[in-house]
N, C-alpha and C. Protein backbone atom coordinates (compact mmCIF):
# COMPACT_ATOMS: atom_id res chain seq x y z
N UNK A 1 58.26 92.21 27.82
CA UNK A 1 58.49 93.62 27.24
C UNK A 1 57.48 93.73 26.26
N UNK A 2 58.16 95.06 26.25
CA UNK A 2 57.17 95.58 24.81
C UNK A 2 57.84 95.75 23.36
N UNK A 3 57.24 95.57 22.52
CA UNK A 3 58.18 95.48 21.00
C UNK A 3 58.96 95.83 20.43
N UNK A 4 58.67 97.27 21.16
CA UNK A 4 59.67 98.50 21.12
C UNK A 4 61.20 97.88 21.98
N UNK A 5 60.91 98.13 23.23
CA UNK A 5 61.99 97.42 23.64
C UNK A 5 62.74 96.19 23.44
N UNK A 6 61.78 95.19 22.95
CA UNK A 6 61.93 93.52 22.23
C UNK A 6 63.65 94.21 20.76
N UNK A 7 62.66 95.32 19.58
CA UNK A 7 63.87 95.61 19.28
C UNK A 7 64.80 97.05 19.23
N UNK A 8 64.64 97.39 20.39
CA UNK A 8 65.56 98.09 20.47
C UNK A 8 67.06 96.85 21.74
N UNK A 9 66.54 96.55 22.07
CA UNK A 9 67.76 95.04 22.39
C UNK A 9 68.01 94.64 20.90
N UNK A 10 67.44 93.96 20.36
CA UNK A 10 67.64 92.97 18.62
C UNK A 10 68.76 93.72 18.17
N UNK A 11 68.42 95.66 17.66
CA UNK A 11 69.05 96.64 17.38
C UNK A 11 70.51 96.64 17.95
N UNK A 12 70.56 96.44 19.42
CA UNK A 12 71.96 96.56 19.87
C UNK A 12 72.88 95.58 20.06
N UNK A 13 71.78 94.03 19.66
CA UNK A 13 72.74 92.82 20.04
C UNK A 13 73.24 92.90 17.96
N UNK A 14 72.45 93.12 17.23
CA UNK A 14 73.28 93.43 15.63
C UNK A 14 74.44 94.46 16.28
N UNK A 15 73.93 95.42 16.36
CA UNK A 15 75.37 96.51 16.38
C UNK A 15 76.83 95.65 16.81
N UNK A 16 75.71 94.67 18.06
CA UNK A 16 77.72 94.17 18.76
C UNK A 16 78.68 92.68 17.95
N UNK A 17 77.40 92.60 17.16
CA UNK A 17 78.42 91.22 16.15
C UNK A 17 78.88 91.70 15.01
N UNK A 18 77.73 93.08 14.29
CA UNK A 18 79.15 94.42 12.94
C UNK A 18 80.21 94.68 13.83
N UNK A 19 80.45 94.83 15.02
CA UNK A 19 80.99 95.57 16.05
C UNK A 19 82.31 94.53 16.18
N UNK A 20 82.44 93.85 16.38
CA UNK A 20 83.18 92.33 16.60
C UNK A 20 83.89 92.48 14.72
N UNK A 21 83.32 92.10 13.99
CA UNK A 21 83.32 91.79 12.69
C UNK A 21 84.10 93.28 12.64
N UNK A 22 84.29 94.24 12.99
CA UNK A 22 85.09 95.47 12.58
C UNK A 22 86.36 95.36 13.40
N UNK A 23 85.94 95.30 14.91
CA UNK A 23 87.38 95.09 15.75
C UNK A 23 88.28 93.74 15.27
N UNK A 24 87.86 92.75 14.61
CA UNK A 24 88.50 91.54 13.77
C UNK A 24 89.42 92.11 12.15
N UNK A 25 88.40 93.53 12.07
CA UNK A 25 89.25 93.70 10.48
C UNK A 25 90.89 95.26 11.11
N UNK A 26 89.98 95.30 12.28
CA UNK A 26 91.27 96.25 12.19
C UNK A 26 92.03 96.20 12.97
N UNK A 27 92.37 95.45 13.53
CA UNK A 27 93.39 94.16 14.13
C UNK A 27 94.15 93.70 13.21
N UNK A 28 93.61 92.85 12.27
CA UNK A 28 94.30 92.46 10.95
C UNK A 28 94.85 93.69 10.68
N UNK A 29 94.45 94.73 10.10
CA UNK A 29 94.80 95.71 9.87
C UNK A 29 96.33 96.22 10.50
N UNK A 30 96.45 96.14 11.43
CA UNK A 30 97.14 96.94 13.08
C UNK A 30 98.26 95.80 12.28
N UNK A 31 98.24 94.42 12.48
CA UNK A 31 99.02 93.67 12.48
C UNK A 31 100.03 93.39 11.02
N UNK A 32 98.80 93.48 10.78
CA UNK A 32 99.87 93.41 9.00
C UNK A 32 100.65 95.09 8.88
N UNK A 33 100.35 96.28 9.29
CA UNK A 33 100.58 97.94 8.75
C UNK A 33 101.17 98.37 9.74
N UNK A 34 101.31 97.66 11.53
CA UNK A 34 101.60 98.19 12.25
C UNK A 34 100.82 99.82 12.23
N UNK A 35 99.93 100.55 11.78
CA UNK A 35 99.56 101.90 11.59
C UNK A 35 98.63 102.56 13.33
N UNK A 36 99.34 102.80 13.63
CA UNK A 36 98.56 103.36 15.08
C UNK A 36 96.80 104.09 15.02
N UNK A 37 96.60 104.24 13.70
CA UNK A 37 95.18 104.78 13.33
C UNK A 37 94.31 103.58 13.71
N UNK A 38 94.81 102.46 13.02
CA UNK A 38 94.15 100.66 13.39
C UNK A 38 93.82 100.97 14.61
N UNK A 39 95.21 100.64 15.11
CA UNK A 39 94.79 100.14 16.77
C UNK A 39 93.10 100.90 17.23
N UNK A 40 93.84 102.74 17.25
CA UNK A 40 93.18 103.56 17.39
C UNK A 40 91.57 103.07 16.80
N UNK A 41 91.05 102.64 15.65
CA UNK A 41 90.00 102.08 15.41
C UNK A 41 89.68 101.45 16.45
N UNK A 42 90.12 99.60 16.81
CA UNK A 42 89.77 98.59 16.75
C UNK A 42 89.22 98.76 18.49
N UNK A 43 90.66 100.12 19.20
CA UNK A 43 90.02 100.12 20.39
C UNK A 43 88.76 101.28 20.64
N UNK A 44 88.07 101.82 19.59
CA UNK A 44 87.05 102.40 20.27
C UNK A 44 86.18 101.02 19.19
N UNK A 45 86.51 100.69 18.73
CA UNK A 45 85.40 99.86 18.45
C UNK A 45 84.95 98.79 19.32
N UNK A 46 85.94 98.18 19.97
CA UNK A 46 86.32 97.29 21.67
C UNK A 46 85.38 97.79 22.19
N UNK A 47 85.20 99.34 22.29
CA UNK A 47 84.56 100.11 23.38
C UNK A 47 82.47 100.60 22.84
N UNK A 48 82.59 100.82 22.31
CA UNK A 48 81.54 100.45 21.65
C UNK A 48 80.86 99.72 21.70
N UNK A 49 81.73 98.15 21.22
CA UNK A 49 80.92 97.05 21.18
C UNK A 49 80.89 96.53 22.88
N UNK A 50 81.57 97.06 23.06
CA UNK A 50 81.02 96.89 25.75
C UNK A 50 79.91 97.56 26.13
N UNK A 51 79.65 99.08 25.18
CA UNK A 51 78.50 99.05 24.97
C UNK A 51 77.27 98.85 25.25
N UNK A 52 77.92 97.90 23.69
CA UNK A 52 76.07 97.63 23.31
C UNK A 52 75.74 96.74 23.71
N UNK A 53 76.58 95.45 24.17
CA UNK A 53 76.86 94.46 25.95
C UNK A 53 75.89 95.18 26.71
N UNK A 54 76.33 95.91 26.96
CA UNK A 54 75.70 96.39 28.24
C UNK A 54 74.40 97.00 28.07
N UNK A 55 74.29 97.92 26.95
CA UNK A 55 72.94 97.83 26.40
C UNK A 55 71.98 96.96 26.13
N UNK A 56 72.57 95.97 26.02
CA UNK A 56 71.68 95.43 25.61
C UNK A 56 70.90 94.27 26.93
N UNK A 57 72.00 93.76 27.91
CA UNK A 57 71.92 93.32 28.83
C UNK A 57 71.02 94.21 30.17
N UNK A 58 71.48 96.11 30.09
CA UNK A 58 70.12 96.63 31.18
C UNK A 58 68.94 96.78 29.86
N UNK A 59 69.11 96.41 28.80
CA UNK A 59 67.14 96.45 28.14
C UNK A 59 67.13 94.83 28.79
N UNK A 60 67.66 93.65 28.90
CA UNK A 60 66.79 92.64 29.41
C UNK A 60 65.90 92.68 30.62
N UNK A 61 67.32 93.37 31.81
CA UNK A 61 67.03 93.54 33.19
C UNK A 61 66.41 93.88 33.67
N UNK A 62 66.12 95.18 33.01
CA UNK A 62 65.96 96.85 33.27
C UNK A 62 64.80 97.02 32.43
N UNK A 63 64.55 96.77 31.66
CA UNK A 63 62.84 96.91 30.55
C UNK A 63 61.82 97.97 31.74
N UNK A 64 61.59 96.88 32.62
CA UNK A 64 60.77 97.29 33.50
C UNK A 64 60.39 98.77 34.57
N UNK A 65 61.68 99.65 34.38
CA UNK A 65 62.01 100.48 34.54
C UNK A 65 62.14 101.34 33.57
N UNK A 66 61.53 101.52 32.73
CA UNK A 66 62.51 102.46 31.15
C UNK A 66 60.94 102.28 30.88
N UNK A 67 60.30 103.84 31.11
CA UNK A 67 58.76 103.61 30.72
C UNK A 67 58.27 104.37 29.47
N UNK A 68 57.81 103.30 28.96
CA UNK A 68 56.90 103.24 27.39
C UNK A 68 56.60 104.58 26.51
N UNK A 69 57.10 106.11 26.58
CA UNK A 69 56.92 107.35 25.89
C UNK A 69 58.35 107.57 25.67
N UNK A 70 59.67 106.95 26.43
CA UNK A 70 60.74 107.01 25.94
C UNK A 70 61.45 106.16 24.88
N UNK A 71 60.49 104.55 24.65
CA UNK A 71 60.97 104.01 23.97
C UNK A 71 61.06 104.23 22.41
N UNK A 72 60.56 104.99 22.10
CA UNK A 72 60.28 105.11 20.23
C UNK A 72 61.86 105.81 20.05
N UNK A 73 61.96 106.63 21.16
CA UNK A 73 63.32 107.32 21.25
C UNK A 73 64.52 106.50 21.29
N UNK A 74 64.45 105.68 21.97
CA UNK A 74 65.31 104.38 22.44
C UNK A 74 65.83 104.30 21.13
N UNK A 75 64.45 103.25 20.92
CA UNK A 75 64.64 102.60 19.36
C UNK A 75 65.17 103.19 18.41
N UNK A 76 64.69 104.74 18.10
CA UNK A 76 66.11 105.27 17.10
C UNK A 76 67.34 105.39 17.04
N UNK A 77 67.97 105.89 18.20
CA UNK A 77 69.37 106.44 18.73
C UNK A 77 69.69 104.95 17.90
N UNK A 78 69.00 103.12 19.19
CA UNK A 78 69.96 101.77 18.67
C UNK A 78 69.93 101.46 16.97
N UNK A 79 68.93 101.41 15.74
CA UNK A 79 68.60 102.16 15.00
C UNK A 79 69.63 103.09 14.28
N UNK A 80 69.41 103.68 14.32
CA UNK A 80 70.97 105.41 14.11
C UNK A 80 72.64 104.55 14.23
N UNK A 81 72.31 103.93 15.47
CA UNK A 81 73.69 103.24 15.71
C UNK A 81 74.14 102.07 14.47
N UNK A 82 73.18 101.25 14.66
CA UNK A 82 73.38 100.34 13.74
C UNK A 82 73.59 99.88 12.29
N UNK A 83 72.49 101.35 11.53
CA UNK A 83 72.94 102.17 10.35
C UNK A 83 74.20 102.59 10.31
N UNK A 84 74.72 103.28 11.31
CA UNK A 84 75.93 103.65 10.76
C UNK A 84 77.13 103.01 11.44
N UNK A 85 76.55 102.02 11.85
CA UNK A 85 77.90 100.90 11.79
C UNK A 85 77.86 99.62 10.63
N UNK A 86 76.89 99.74 9.57
CA UNK A 86 77.29 99.01 8.62
C UNK A 86 77.79 99.89 7.51
N UNK A 87 77.46 101.17 7.34
CA UNK A 87 78.19 102.11 6.59
C UNK A 87 79.20 101.76 7.16
N UNK A 88 79.97 102.24 8.45
CA UNK A 88 81.43 102.01 8.44
C UNK A 88 82.12 100.96 7.91
N UNK A 89 80.70 99.82 8.45
CA UNK A 89 81.71 98.16 8.18
C UNK A 89 81.55 98.20 6.72
N UNK A 90 80.50 99.08 5.75
CA UNK A 90 80.90 98.26 4.57
C UNK A 90 82.31 99.14 4.00
N UNK A 91 82.03 100.44 4.52
CA UNK A 91 83.60 100.97 4.01
C UNK A 91 84.77 101.17 4.48
N UNK A 92 84.50 100.27 5.71
CA UNK A 92 86.04 99.49 5.45
C UNK A 92 86.92 97.87 5.29
N UNK A 93 85.31 97.53 4.60
CA UNK A 93 85.91 95.86 4.01
C UNK A 93 85.60 95.92 2.79
N UNK A 94 84.89 96.95 1.83
CA UNK A 94 84.58 97.24 0.50
C UNK A 94 85.49 98.05 -0.09
């Protein structure tokens, strides 16, 4: 695999780990407050987690099908998503 594909896979994996933390926080808040908004955020983060796990799997198994010119864009999308999740996690926990 190329370096850009590896970096895309790693950023998707980092996003998945951060999303697990967000799911735990949102579900804890829901358990304590029964706020529907927290439940909705937990469901959203869970679905985004599933998407990232699928992305990691597809990057690992289908890398040969992804053409080289597409890789910088793929990495950019994954880095932007990881940064957005970091910002969301920071505002959620601090």
